[in-house]
N, C-alpha and C. Protein backbone atom coordinates (compact mmCIF):
# COMPACT_ATOMS: atom_id res chain seq x y z
N MET A 1 -14.51 17.64 -13.58
CA MET A 1 -13.94 17.73 -12.27
C MET A 1 -14.71 16.84 -11.31
N ALA A 2 -14.00 16.27 -10.36
CA ALA A 2 -14.62 15.34 -9.42
C ALA A 2 -15.48 16.08 -8.40
N LYS A 3 -16.47 15.37 -7.89
CA LYS A 3 -17.32 15.96 -6.85
C LYS A 3 -16.55 16.11 -5.56
N LYS A 4 -16.91 17.08 -4.79
CA LYS A 4 -16.24 17.30 -3.52
C LYS A 4 -16.67 16.23 -2.52
N GLY A 5 -15.70 15.58 -1.88
CA GLY A 5 -16.01 14.55 -0.89
C GLY A 5 -15.94 13.14 -1.44
N ALA A 6 -16.13 12.96 -2.75
CA ALA A 6 -16.07 11.62 -3.34
C ALA A 6 -14.64 11.36 -3.79
N LYS A 7 -13.87 10.71 -2.93
CA LYS A 7 -12.46 10.47 -3.22
C LYS A 7 -12.22 9.00 -3.55
N ARG A 8 -11.25 8.79 -4.41
CA ARG A 8 -10.76 7.45 -4.68
C ARG A 8 -9.39 7.35 -4.06
N LYS A 9 -9.12 6.25 -3.40
CA LYS A 9 -7.87 6.05 -2.68
C LYS A 9 -7.13 4.87 -3.28
N ILE A 10 -5.81 5.01 -3.42
CA ILE A 10 -4.98 3.92 -3.91
C ILE A 10 -4.67 2.99 -2.75
N VAL A 11 -4.94 1.70 -2.92
CA VAL A 11 -4.70 0.72 -1.87
C VAL A 11 -3.91 -0.45 -2.45
N GLY A 12 -3.14 -1.09 -1.60
CA GLY A 12 -2.41 -2.29 -1.98
C GLY A 12 -3.15 -3.51 -1.49
N LEU A 13 -3.02 -4.61 -2.22
CA LEU A 13 -3.69 -5.86 -1.86
C LEU A 13 -2.63 -6.89 -1.49
N VAL A 14 -2.76 -7.47 -0.29
CA VAL A 14 -1.80 -8.44 0.22
C VAL A 14 -2.45 -9.83 0.22
N SER A 15 -1.70 -10.80 -0.27
CA SER A 15 -2.19 -12.17 -0.32
C SER A 15 -2.14 -12.78 1.08
N GLU A 16 -3.18 -13.52 1.44
CA GLU A 16 -3.18 -14.23 2.71
C GLU A 16 -2.36 -15.51 2.63
N ALA A 17 -2.16 -16.04 1.42
CA ALA A 17 -1.41 -17.28 1.27
C ALA A 17 0.10 -17.04 1.34
N SER A 18 0.59 -16.01 0.64
CA SER A 18 2.04 -15.79 0.59
C SER A 18 2.49 -14.57 1.38
N GLY A 19 1.61 -13.61 1.61
CA GLY A 19 1.97 -12.41 2.35
C GLY A 19 2.59 -11.33 1.50
N HIS A 20 2.65 -11.51 0.19
CA HIS A 20 3.24 -10.52 -0.71
C HIS A 20 2.17 -9.58 -1.23
N ARG A 21 2.58 -8.32 -1.45
CA ARG A 21 1.68 -7.33 -2.03
C ARG A 21 1.91 -7.33 -3.53
N THR A 22 1.03 -7.98 -4.27
CA THR A 22 1.18 -8.15 -5.70
C THR A 22 0.36 -7.15 -6.50
N TYR A 23 -0.81 -6.80 -6.01
CA TYR A 23 -1.73 -5.95 -6.75
C TYR A 23 -1.92 -4.61 -6.07
N VAL A 24 -2.16 -3.57 -6.88
CA VAL A 24 -2.48 -2.23 -6.41
C VAL A 24 -3.72 -1.80 -7.17
N THR A 25 -4.70 -1.24 -6.47
CA THR A 25 -5.94 -0.82 -7.10
C THR A 25 -6.46 0.44 -6.42
N THR A 26 -7.55 0.97 -6.90
CA THR A 26 -8.19 2.12 -6.27
C THR A 26 -9.56 1.71 -5.77
N LYS A 27 -10.02 2.43 -4.74
CA LYS A 27 -11.37 2.17 -4.24
C LYS A 27 -12.02 3.49 -3.86
N ASN A 28 -13.32 3.53 -3.96
CA ASN A 28 -14.08 4.70 -3.56
C ASN A 28 -14.35 4.58 -2.07
N VAL A 29 -13.81 5.52 -1.29
CA VAL A 29 -13.91 5.46 0.16
C VAL A 29 -15.34 5.72 0.63
N MET A 30 -16.08 6.49 -0.12
CA MET A 30 -17.45 6.81 0.28
C MET A 30 -18.37 5.59 0.15
N ASN A 31 -18.18 4.77 -0.89
CA ASN A 31 -19.06 3.62 -1.13
C ASN A 31 -18.62 2.38 -0.36
N THR A 32 -17.31 2.19 -0.17
CA THR A 32 -16.80 1.01 0.52
C THR A 32 -15.86 1.44 1.64
N PRO A 33 -16.39 1.76 2.80
CA PRO A 33 -15.52 2.18 3.91
C PRO A 33 -14.76 1.03 4.55
N ASP A 34 -15.26 -0.21 4.40
CA ASP A 34 -14.56 -1.36 4.99
C ASP A 34 -13.45 -1.84 4.06
N LYS A 35 -12.66 -2.79 4.53
CA LYS A 35 -11.54 -3.29 3.75
C LYS A 35 -12.00 -4.10 2.55
N LEU A 36 -11.26 -3.99 1.45
CA LEU A 36 -11.54 -4.80 0.27
C LEU A 36 -11.05 -6.22 0.48
N GLU A 37 -11.80 -7.18 0.00
CA GLU A 37 -11.39 -8.58 -0.01
C GLU A 37 -11.71 -9.13 -1.39
N LEU A 38 -10.67 -9.47 -2.15
CA LEU A 38 -10.84 -9.98 -3.50
C LEU A 38 -10.13 -11.31 -3.64
N ARG A 39 -10.64 -12.15 -4.51
CA ARG A 39 -10.00 -13.43 -4.79
C ARG A 39 -9.29 -13.28 -6.13
N LYS A 40 -7.94 -13.28 -6.08
CA LYS A 40 -7.14 -13.06 -7.26
C LYS A 40 -6.04 -14.11 -7.35
N TYR A 41 -5.38 -14.16 -8.50
CA TYR A 41 -4.32 -15.14 -8.72
C TYR A 41 -3.04 -14.70 -8.02
N ASP A 42 -2.44 -15.62 -7.26
CA ASP A 42 -1.17 -15.37 -6.59
C ASP A 42 -0.08 -16.09 -7.37
N PRO A 43 0.84 -15.34 -8.02
CA PRO A 43 1.86 -16.00 -8.84
C PRO A 43 2.91 -16.73 -8.02
N ILE A 44 3.09 -16.40 -6.76
CA ILE A 44 4.09 -17.07 -5.93
C ILE A 44 3.61 -18.47 -5.53
N VAL A 45 2.34 -18.57 -5.14
CA VAL A 45 1.76 -19.86 -4.74
C VAL A 45 1.23 -20.62 -5.96
N ARG A 46 1.01 -19.91 -7.06
CA ARG A 46 0.47 -20.45 -8.31
C ARG A 46 -0.95 -20.97 -8.18
N ARG A 47 -1.77 -20.24 -7.48
CA ARG A 47 -3.20 -20.55 -7.38
C ARG A 47 -3.94 -19.29 -6.95
N HIS A 48 -5.25 -19.34 -7.00
CA HIS A 48 -6.05 -18.21 -6.56
C HIS A 48 -6.06 -18.17 -5.03
N ALA A 49 -5.99 -16.96 -4.50
CA ALA A 49 -5.97 -16.77 -3.05
C ALA A 49 -6.76 -15.51 -2.71
N LYS A 50 -7.09 -15.37 -1.44
CA LYS A 50 -7.82 -14.19 -1.00
C LYS A 50 -6.83 -13.06 -0.74
N TYR A 51 -7.09 -11.91 -1.33
CA TYR A 51 -6.29 -10.71 -1.13
C TYR A 51 -7.09 -9.72 -0.31
N VAL A 52 -6.45 -9.11 0.68
CA VAL A 52 -7.10 -8.11 1.52
C VAL A 52 -6.35 -6.80 1.42
N GLU A 53 -7.08 -5.73 1.65
CA GLU A 53 -6.50 -4.40 1.60
C GLU A 53 -5.52 -4.21 2.75
N THR A 54 -4.39 -3.60 2.46
CA THR A 54 -3.36 -3.39 3.47
C THR A 54 -3.47 -1.99 4.08
N LYS A 55 -3.02 -1.86 5.31
CA LYS A 55 -3.00 -0.56 5.98
C LYS A 55 -1.73 0.23 5.66
N LYS A 56 -0.75 -0.45 5.07
CA LYS A 56 0.53 0.20 4.83
C LYS A 56 0.40 1.33 3.83
N ASN A 57 1.16 2.38 4.07
CA ASN A 57 1.19 3.54 3.20
C ASN A 57 1.95 3.20 1.92
N LEU A 58 1.38 3.50 0.77
CA LEU A 58 2.04 3.23 -0.49
C LEU A 58 2.92 4.39 -0.93
N GLY A 59 2.91 5.49 -0.19
CA GLY A 59 3.76 6.60 -0.51
C GLY A 59 3.14 7.59 -1.49
N ARG A 60 1.87 7.42 -1.81
CA ARG A 60 1.20 8.34 -2.73
C ARG A 60 -0.27 8.43 -2.37
N ASN A 61 -0.87 9.52 -2.78
CA ASN A 61 -2.30 9.77 -2.60
C ASN A 61 -2.72 9.73 -1.13
N GLU A 62 -1.89 10.23 -0.25
CA GLU A 62 -2.22 10.26 1.17
C GLU A 62 -2.31 11.68 1.65
């Protein structure tokens, strides 16, 4: 069973190059309270781009 207070939250990642939400991942809110910024492959632009965590509700785990 998980510890009380240590939650993982489902977040969507939006590309800065195309604006599409391609990836969905989880993050530990206790360890990383700021927004995630990852460099991942964007299939629409066909190159690597910076993805940032979105504020939009994904409809689950809220």
